[in-house]
Protein backbone atom coordinates (compact mmCIF):
# COMPACT_ATOMS: atom_id res chain seq x y z
CA UNK A 1 -16.03 6.04 -21.40
CA UNK A 2 -14.28 5.39 -18.04
CA UNK A 3 -16.22 6.34 -14.98
CA UNK A 4 -14.83 7.74 -11.78
CA UNK A 5 -13.92 4.87 -9.36
CA UNK A 6 -16.67 5.92 -6.92
CA UNK A 7 -19.54 6.09 -9.59
CA UNK A 8 -21.63 3.55 -7.80
CA UNK A 9 -21.28 5.14 -4.37
CA UNK A 10 -22.63 8.41 -5.87
CA UNK A 11 -25.55 6.73 -7.76
CA UNK A 12 -26.65 5.01 -4.42
CA UNK A 13 -26.00 8.18 -2.42
CA UNK A 14 -23.99 6.20 -0.01
CA UNK A 15 -21.10 7.19 2.12
CA UNK A 16 -20.22 9.41 3.83
CA UNK A 17 -16.58 8.29 3.07
CA UNK A 18 -15.41 6.66 -0.17
CA UNK A 19 -12.57 4.09 -0.19
CA UNK A 20 -10.76 2.35 -2.91
CA UNK A 21 -8.48 -0.56 -1.82
CA UNK A 22 -6.14 -2.54 -3.98
CA UNK A 23 -3.59 -5.23 -3.12
CA UNK A 24 -0.90 -6.08 -5.59
CA UNK A 25 1.37 -9.12 -5.54
CA UNK A 26 3.30 -9.14 -2.26
CA UNK A 27 6.65 -8.92 -4.17
CA UNK A 28 5.53 -5.71 -6.00
CA UNK A 29 5.41 -3.32 -3.07
CA UNK A 30 8.54 -1.41 -3.90
CA UNK A 31 7.48 -1.24 -7.61
CA UNK A 32 4.01 -0.01 -6.60
CA UNK A 33 5.50 2.85 -4.51
CA UNK A 34 7.88 3.86 -7.33
CA UNK A 35 5.13 3.83 -9.95
CA UNK A 36 2.89 6.01 -7.96
CA UNK A 37 5.78 8.35 -7.15
CA UNK A 38 6.26 8.70 -10.95
CA UNK A 39 2.64 9.75 -11.63
CA UNK A 40 1.57 13.41 -11.76
CA UNK A 41 -1.08 13.96 -9.09
CA UNK A 42 -2.36 17.49 -9.61
CA UNK A 43 -3.93 18.75 -6.47
CA UNK A 44 -1.98 16.39 -4.19
CA UNK A 45 1.23 16.80 -2.14
CA UNK A 46 3.50 13.91 -1.23
CA UNK A 47 4.36 13.11 2.47
CA UNK A 48 6.57 10.13 3.62
CA UNK A 49 5.39 8.71 6.95
CA UNK A 50 8.12 7.12 8.94
CA UNK A 51 7.36 4.52 11.49
CA UNK A 52 3.87 5.85 11.85
CA UNK A 53 0.64 4.01 12.51
CA UNK A 54 -0.66 2.39 9.33
CA UNK A 55 -4.54 2.09 9.15
CA UNK A 56 -4.11 -0.50 6.41
CA UNK A 57 -1.96 -2.89 8.48
CA UNK A 58 -2.61 -2.00 12.11
CA UNK A 59 1.01 -1.43 12.94
CA UNK A 60 3.72 1.11 12.63
CA UNK A 61 5.29 1.35 9.10
CA UNK A 62 6.99 3.76 6.77
CA UNK A 63 4.80 4.55 3.73
CA UNK A 64 3.87 7.25 1.21
CA UNK A 65 0.91 9.57 1.48
CA UNK A 66 -0.46 11.90 -1.15
CA UNK A 67 -2.83 14.39 0.41
CA UNK A 68 -4.96 17.16 -1.07
CA UNK A 69 -3.12 20.45 -1.04
CA UNK A 70 -5.72 22.34 0.75
CA UNK A 71 -5.77 20.11 3.85
CA UNK A 72 -2.00 19.04 3.63
CA UNK A 73 -0.61 21.08 6.56
CA UNK A 74 -3.46 20.02 8.93
CA UNK A 75 -3.23 16.36 7.87
CA UNK A 76 0.44 16.35 8.38
CA UNK A 77 -0.06 17.98 11.92
CA UNK A 78 -2.60 15.23 12.69
CA UNK A 79 -0.11 12.49 11.62
CA UNK A 80 2.78 14.13 13.68
CA UNK A 81 0.47 14.72 16.62
CA UNK A 82 0.74 18.47 16.50
CA UNK A 83 -2.32 20.59 16.98
CA UNK A 84 -4.56 17.73 15.89
CA UNK A 85 -7.97 18.67 14.41
CA UNK A 86 -10.82 16.70 12.92
CA UNK A 87 -10.97 17.12 9.14
CA UNK A 88 -14.17 15.97 7.50
CA UNK A 89 -13.67 16.57 3.77
CA UNK A 90 -10.23 15.40 2.43
CA UNK A 91 -8.50 13.27 -0.16
CA UNK A 92 -5.65 10.90 0.63
CA UNK A 93 -3.78 8.25 -1.38
CA UNK A 94 -1.81 5.75 0.74
CA UNK A 95 0.85 3.31 -0.59
CA UNK A 96 2.08 0.97 2.03
CA UNK A 97 3.70 -2.23 1.17
CA UNK A 98 1.72 -3.92 -1.62
CA UNK A 99 -1.43 -2.05 -0.86
CA UNK A 100 -3.02 1.13 -2.30
CA UNK A 101 -5.83 2.95 -0.57
CA UNK A 102 -7.60 5.99 -1.87
CA UNK A 103 -9.81 7.70 0.66
CA UNK A 104 -12.22 10.58 0.04
CA UNK A 105 -13.49 11.92 3.40
CA UNK A 106 -17.28 12.89 2.89
CA UNK A 107 -16.77 12.39 -0.81
CA UNK A 108 -13.64 14.34 -0.95
CA UNK A 109 -12.83 17.98 -2.09
CA UNK A 110 -11.18 17.19 -5.44
CA UNK A 111 -12.68 15.65 -8.57
CA UNK A 112 -11.98 12.04 -9.00
CA UNK A 113 -10.26 12.19 -12.36
CA UNK A 114 -6.65 12.18 -10.85
CA UNK A 115 -7.40 9.28 -8.64
CA UNK A 116 -9.13 7.34 -11.46
CA UNK A 117 -6.31 8.03 -13.82
CA UNK A 118 -3.88 6.70 -11.31
CA UNK A 119 -5.91 3.44 -10.85
CA UNK A 120 -5.93 3.02 -14.68
CA UNK A 121 -2.14 3.64 -15.05
CA UNK A 122 -1.41 1.16 -12.31
CA UNK A 123 -3.79 -1.40 -13.79
CA UNK A 124 -2.10 -1.17 -17.18
CA UNK A 125 1.36 -1.36 -15.80
CA UNK A 126 3.29 -4.52 -16.95
CA UNK A 127 5.28 -4.51 -13.67
CA UNK A 128 2.15 -4.72 -11.36
CA UNK A 129 -0.54 -7.36 -10.82
CA UNK A 130 -3.75 -6.63 -8.87
CA UNK A 131 -4.74 -9.56 -6.73
CA UNK A 132 -7.82 -7.91 -5.13
CA UNK A 133 -9.68 -4.60 -5.09
CA UNK A 134 -12.69 -3.06 -3.47
CA UNK A 135 -14.80 0.05 -3.60
CA UNK A 136 -16.07 0.71 -0.19
CA UNK A 137 -18.37 3.34 1.45
CA UNK A 138 -19.17 4.14 5.12
CA UNK A 139 -17.62 5.68 8.17
CA UNK A 140 -18.76 8.25 10.77
CA UNK A 141 -21.11 5.93 12.44
CA UNK A 142 -22.09 4.00 9.28
CA UNK A 143 -20.93 0.45 8.66
CA UNK A 144 -18.41 0.02 5.90
CA UNK A 145 -20.01 -1.62 2.90
CA UNK A 146 -18.43 -3.16 -0.20
CA UNK A 147 -19.97 -1.57 -3.26
CA UNK A 148 -17.81 -3.61 -5.60
CA UNK A 149 -15.08 -6.19 -5.30
CA UNK A 150 -12.84 -8.24 -7.62
CA UNK A 151 -9.69 -10.32 -7.89
CA UNK A 152 -8.36 -9.15 -11.18
CA UNK A 153 -7.48 -6.22 -13.34
CA UNK A 154 -10.02 -7.28 -15.96
CA UNK A 155 -12.78 -7.07 -13.35
CA UNK A 156 -11.57 -3.53 -12.22
CA UNK A 157 -11.54 -2.29 -15.78
CA UNK A 158 -14.96 -3.66 -16.42
CA UNK A 159 -16.28 -1.90 -13.26
CA UNK A 160 -14.58 1.43 -14.34
CA UNK A 161 -16.53 1.08 -17.70
CA UNK A 162 -19.78 0.44 -15.73
CA UNK A 163 -20.01 -3.13 -16.76
CA UNK A 164 -21.14 -5.15 -13.69
CA UNK A 165 -20.97 -8.91 -13.50
């Protein structure tokens, strides 16, 4: 049985924010973006950021965001600098270059099955190679803490099965 990617954060009652970070081979950035676009992501809406600040890389870039439908309009307003507001509970999937980030503000408002399914599909893609990944918690005044890290798809799949090394 596959566990949600944030299972260990919930067991430890850590947080408040949950992050999944994965880096694929540098040459696979375009393929990563294409494969994520092809996945059904129920509860999420797609947005293409153009020449916008990228938290992953600390510079402006064009990238794909998948945001929970409930907060989509306000998140887009925040990105575009229109009527900015602080949103505490949200779900965002970011694909920028060869990096994937899944962020659940205060644990998120959606179940984790869609995100976990995406991670599994990308892990099993013959066109993609994970070179490092991490499950991280923290934010809102708390230090970010690595709950689990790895450097291979095999380690990630073991983690999702609850097998710790």
